[in-house]
């Protein structure tokens, strides 16, 4: 069974891994210590939204690159030979 200090350390590391900076992670720990579960849950949900928005933006950027590569191949590369 984990000790309270170990649980706190694991929670802190999880928050850091989830993209929180030290100050934000400590803020979450304080909320957990004070049993302010609704506030903590809201903070976690906000971080999830931030990360999901970043993911969607990255997906859009990848789609743009994929389209560009597709157009270059379709227009300028024919059977492995370049067309200028």
N, C-alpha and C. Protein backbone atom coordinates (compact mmCIF):
# COMPACT_ATOMS: atom_id res chain seq x y z
N UNK A 1 0.84 -1.18 0.00
CA UNK A 1 0.00 0.00 0.00
C UNK A 1 0.88 1.24 0.00
N UNK A 2 0.51 2.22 -0.81
CA UNK A 2 1.32 3.44 -0.93
C UNK A 2 1.09 4.36 0.26
N UNK A 3 2.13 5.05 0.65
CA UNK A 3 2.04 6.04 1.71
C UNK A 3 1.46 7.33 1.14
N UNK A 4 0.96 8.20 2.02
CA UNK A 4 0.35 9.46 1.58
C UNK A 4 1.34 10.27 0.75
N UNK A 5 2.60 10.31 1.16
CA UNK A 5 3.61 11.05 0.41
C UNK A 5 3.81 10.50 -0.98
N UNK A 6 3.74 9.17 -1.10
CA UNK A 6 3.88 8.54 -2.41
C UNK A 6 2.70 8.89 -3.30
N UNK A 7 1.50 8.92 -2.75
CA UNK A 7 0.32 9.26 -3.52
C UNK A 7 0.43 10.70 -4.01
N UNK A 8 0.87 11.58 -3.13
CA UNK A 8 1.04 12.99 -3.50
C UNK A 8 2.08 13.11 -4.62
N UNK A 9 3.17 12.39 -4.50
CA UNK A 9 4.23 12.43 -5.52
C UNK A 9 3.72 11.87 -6.84
N UNK A 10 2.96 10.79 -6.78
CA UNK A 10 2.41 10.21 -8.01
C UNK A 10 1.42 11.15 -8.67
N UNK A 11 0.57 11.78 -7.87
CA UNK A 11 -0.39 12.74 -8.40
C UNK A 11 0.34 13.92 -9.03
N UNK A 12 1.34 14.44 -8.34
CA UNK A 12 2.12 15.57 -8.85
C UNK A 12 2.75 15.21 -10.19
N UNK A 13 3.38 14.04 -10.27
CA UNK A 13 4.04 13.63 -11.51
C UNK A 13 3.03 13.45 -12.63
N UNK A 14 1.87 12.92 -12.31
CA UNK A 14 0.82 12.76 -13.31
C UNK A 14 0.38 14.11 -13.86
N UNK A 15 0.26 15.09 -12.99
CA UNK A 15 -0.13 16.44 -13.41
C UNK A 15 0.93 17.06 -14.31
N UNK A 16 2.19 16.87 -13.96
CA UNK A 16 3.29 17.38 -14.78
C UNK A 16 3.25 16.69 -16.15
N UNK A 17 3.06 15.38 -16.14
CA UNK A 17 2.99 14.62 -17.39
C UNK A 17 1.80 15.05 -18.24
N UNK A 18 0.75 15.56 -17.60
CA UNK A 18 -0.45 16.01 -18.30
C UNK A 18 -0.31 17.45 -18.81
N UNK A 19 0.86 18.05 -18.62
CA UNK A 19 1.12 19.35 -19.20
C UNK A 19 1.02 20.53 -18.24
N UNK A 20 0.77 20.26 -16.98
CA UNK A 20 0.74 21.36 -16.01
C UNK A 20 2.15 21.80 -15.68
N UNK A 21 2.33 23.11 -15.40
CA UNK A 21 3.62 23.55 -14.89
C UNK A 21 3.63 23.33 -13.38
N UNK A 22 4.75 23.61 -12.73
CA UNK A 22 4.88 23.34 -11.29
C UNK A 22 3.83 24.07 -10.47
N UNK A 23 3.61 25.33 -10.80
CA UNK A 23 2.64 26.14 -10.05
C UNK A 23 1.24 25.58 -10.18
N UNK A 24 0.85 25.23 -11.40
CA UNK A 24 -0.49 24.67 -11.63
C UNK A 24 -0.65 23.31 -10.95
N UNK A 25 0.39 22.49 -11.02
CA UNK A 25 0.34 21.18 -10.37
C UNK A 25 0.18 21.34 -8.86
N UNK A 26 0.92 22.28 -8.29
CA UNK A 26 0.79 22.52 -6.84
C UNK A 26 -0.59 23.04 -6.48
N UNK A 27 -1.15 23.85 -7.36
CA UNK A 27 -2.51 24.36 -7.14
C UNK A 27 -3.51 23.19 -7.10
N UNK A 28 -3.32 22.24 -7.99
CA UNK A 28 -4.19 21.05 -8.00
C UNK A 28 -4.01 20.23 -6.73
N UNK A 29 -2.77 20.10 -6.29
CA UNK A 29 -2.51 19.35 -5.05
C UNK A 29 -3.20 20.00 -3.86
N UNK A 30 -3.16 21.32 -3.81
CA UNK A 30 -3.82 22.04 -2.71
C UNK A 30 -5.32 21.79 -2.75
N UNK A 31 -5.90 21.84 -3.95
CA UNK A 31 -7.33 21.56 -4.07
C UNK A 31 -7.65 20.14 -3.59
N UNK A 32 -6.80 19.18 -3.94
CA UNK A 32 -7.02 17.80 -3.50
C UNK A 32 -6.89 17.69 -1.98
N UNK A 33 -5.88 18.34 -1.41
CA UNK A 33 -5.70 18.32 0.04
C UNK A 33 -6.90 18.92 0.76
N UNK A 34 -7.46 19.96 0.17
CA UNK A 34 -8.61 20.63 0.77
C UNK A 34 -9.95 19.98 0.39
N UNK A 35 -9.84 18.89 -0.33
CA UNK A 35 -11.03 18.13 -0.77
C UNK A 35 -12.00 18.99 -1.58
N UNK A 36 -11.43 19.89 -2.37
CA UNK A 36 -12.23 20.73 -3.25
C UNK A 36 -12.33 20.04 -4.61
N UNK A 37 -13.08 18.93 -4.61
CA UNK A 37 -13.13 18.03 -5.75
C UNK A 37 -13.77 18.67 -6.98
N UNK A 38 -14.77 19.50 -6.79
CA UNK A 38 -15.42 20.13 -7.94
C UNK A 38 -14.45 21.10 -8.62
N UNK A 39 -13.75 21.91 -7.83
CA UNK A 39 -12.77 22.84 -8.41
C UNK A 39 -11.65 22.08 -9.11
N UNK A 40 -11.18 21.01 -8.48
CA UNK A 40 -10.12 20.21 -9.08
C UNK A 40 -10.60 19.57 -10.38
N UNK A 41 -11.79 19.02 -10.35
CA UNK A 41 -12.35 18.41 -11.54
C UNK A 41 -12.48 19.43 -12.67
N UNK A 42 -12.89 20.64 -12.34
CA UNK A 42 -13.01 21.70 -13.35
C UNK A 42 -11.64 22.06 -13.94
N UNK A 43 -10.62 22.14 -13.09
CA UNK A 43 -9.27 22.44 -13.57
C UNK A 43 -8.78 21.36 -14.52
N UNK A 44 -9.03 20.11 -14.15
CA UNK A 44 -8.60 18.99 -15.00
C UNK A 44 -9.34 19.00 -16.33
N UNK A 45 -10.62 19.31 -16.29
CA UNK A 45 -11.42 19.38 -17.52
C UNK A 45 -10.91 20.50 -18.43
N UNK A 46 -10.52 21.63 -17.83
CA UNK A 46 -9.98 22.73 -18.63
C UNK A 46 -8.68 22.33 -19.31
N UNK A 47 -7.83 21.63 -18.59
CA UNK A 47 -6.56 21.17 -19.18
C UNK A 47 -6.82 20.18 -20.29
N UNK A 48 -7.79 19.33 -20.11
CA UNK A 48 -8.15 18.36 -21.15
C UNK A 48 -8.59 19.10 -22.41
N UNK A 49 -9.38 20.15 -22.25
CA UNK A 49 -9.84 20.94 -23.38
C UNK A 49 -8.66 21.60 -24.10
N UNK A 50 -7.73 22.14 -23.34
CA UNK A 50 -6.54 22.77 -23.92
C UNK A 50 -5.76 21.75 -24.75
N UNK A 51 -5.54 20.58 -24.17
CA UNK A 51 -4.77 19.55 -24.88
C UNK A 51 -5.51 19.05 -26.11
N UNK A 52 -6.82 18.89 -26.01
CA UNK A 52 -7.60 18.44 -27.15
C UNK A 52 -7.58 19.47 -28.27
N UNK A 53 -7.64 20.75 -27.94
CA UNK A 53 -7.55 21.80 -28.95
C UNK A 53 -6.19 21.78 -29.65
N UNK A 54 -5.13 21.54 -28.89
CA UNK A 54 -3.80 21.42 -29.49
C UNK A 54 -3.74 20.22 -30.44
N UNK A 55 -4.34 19.13 -30.02
CA UNK A 55 -4.38 17.93 -30.85
C UNK A 55 -5.11 18.20 -32.16
N UNK A 56 -6.25 18.84 -32.07
CA UNK A 56 -7.03 19.15 -33.27
C UNK A 56 -6.24 20.07 -34.20
N UNK A 57 -5.56 21.05 -33.64
CA UNK A 57 -4.74 21.96 -34.45
C UNK A 57 -3.63 21.19 -35.15
N UNK A 58 -2.99 20.27 -34.45
CA UNK A 58 -1.94 19.44 -35.05
C UNK A 58 -2.51 18.57 -36.16
N UNK A 59 -3.70 18.02 -35.95
CA UNK A 59 -4.34 17.21 -36.98
C UNK A 59 -4.61 18.04 -38.23
N UNK A 60 -5.06 19.27 -38.05
CA UNK A 60 -5.30 20.16 -39.19
C UNK A 60 -4.00 20.44 -39.95
N UNK A 61 -2.92 20.64 -39.21
CA UNK A 61 -1.63 20.91 -39.84
C UNK A 61 -1.14 19.70 -40.62
N UNK A 62 -1.34 18.51 -40.06
CA UNK A 62 -0.96 17.28 -40.76
C UNK A 62 -1.80 17.13 -42.02
N UNK A 63 -3.09 17.42 -41.94
CA UNK A 63 -3.95 17.36 -43.12
C UNK A 63 -3.45 18.29 -44.21
N UNK A 64 -3.01 19.49 -43.85
CA UNK A 64 -2.47 20.44 -44.83
C UNK A 64 -1.22 19.88 -45.50
N UNK A 65 -0.35 19.30 -44.70
CA UNK A 65 0.86 18.69 -45.26
C UNK A 65 0.53 17.53 -46.18
N UNK A 66 -0.39 16.68 -45.75
CA UNK A 66 -0.80 15.54 -46.57
C UNK A 66 -1.36 16.00 -47.90
N UNK A 67 -2.18 17.05 -47.88
CA UNK A 67 -2.74 17.58 -49.12
C UNK A 67 -1.63 18.11 -50.02
N UNK A 68 -0.69 18.85 -49.46
CA UNK A 68 0.41 19.40 -50.23
C UNK A 68 1.23 18.29 -50.88
N UNK A 69 1.57 17.26 -50.13
CA UNK A 69 2.33 16.13 -50.66
C UNK A 69 1.53 15.44 -51.77
N UNK A 70 0.24 15.23 -51.55
CA UNK A 70 -0.62 14.62 -52.55
C UNK A 70 -0.61 15.44 -53.84
N UNK A 71 -0.77 16.75 -53.73
CA UNK A 71 -0.80 17.62 -54.92
C UNK A 71 0.54 17.62 -55.65
N UNK A 72 1.63 17.63 -54.91
CA UNK A 72 2.97 17.60 -55.53
C UNK A 72 3.16 16.30 -56.30
N UNK A 73 2.79 15.19 -55.67
CA UNK A 73 2.93 13.89 -56.34
C UNK A 73 2.04 13.82 -57.58
N UNK A 74 0.81 14.27 -57.44
CA UNK A 74 -0.15 14.21 -58.53
C UNK A 74 0.28 15.10 -59.70
N UNK A 75 0.79 16.28 -59.37
CA UNK A 75 1.09 17.28 -60.40
C UNK A 75 2.50 17.17 -60.96
N UNK A 76 3.47 16.87 -60.10
CA UNK A 76 4.86 16.98 -60.52
C UNK A 76 5.63 15.66 -60.53
N UNK A 77 5.10 14.63 -59.97
CA UNK A 77 5.82 13.36 -59.94
C UNK A 77 4.95 12.32 -60.63
N UNK A 78 5.49 11.72 -61.67
CA UNK A 78 4.71 10.76 -62.44
C UNK A 78 5.54 9.50 -62.58
N UNK A 79 5.13 8.44 -61.95
CA UNK A 79 5.85 7.18 -62.04
C UNK A 79 7.30 7.25 -61.56
N UNK A 80 7.55 8.09 -60.55
CA UNK A 80 8.90 8.21 -60.01
C UNK A 80 9.76 9.21 -60.76
N UNK A 81 9.22 9.80 -61.85
CA UNK A 81 9.99 10.80 -62.61
C UNK A 81 9.39 12.19 -62.34
N UNK A 82 10.27 13.14 -62.16
CA UNK A 82 9.81 14.50 -61.89
C UNK A 82 9.38 15.18 -63.18
N UNK A 83 8.27 15.89 -63.07
CA UNK A 83 7.81 16.74 -64.17
C UNK A 83 7.93 18.18 -63.72
N UNK A 84 8.62 18.99 -64.46
CA UNK A 84 8.81 20.40 -64.09
C UNK A 84 7.95 21.29 -64.95
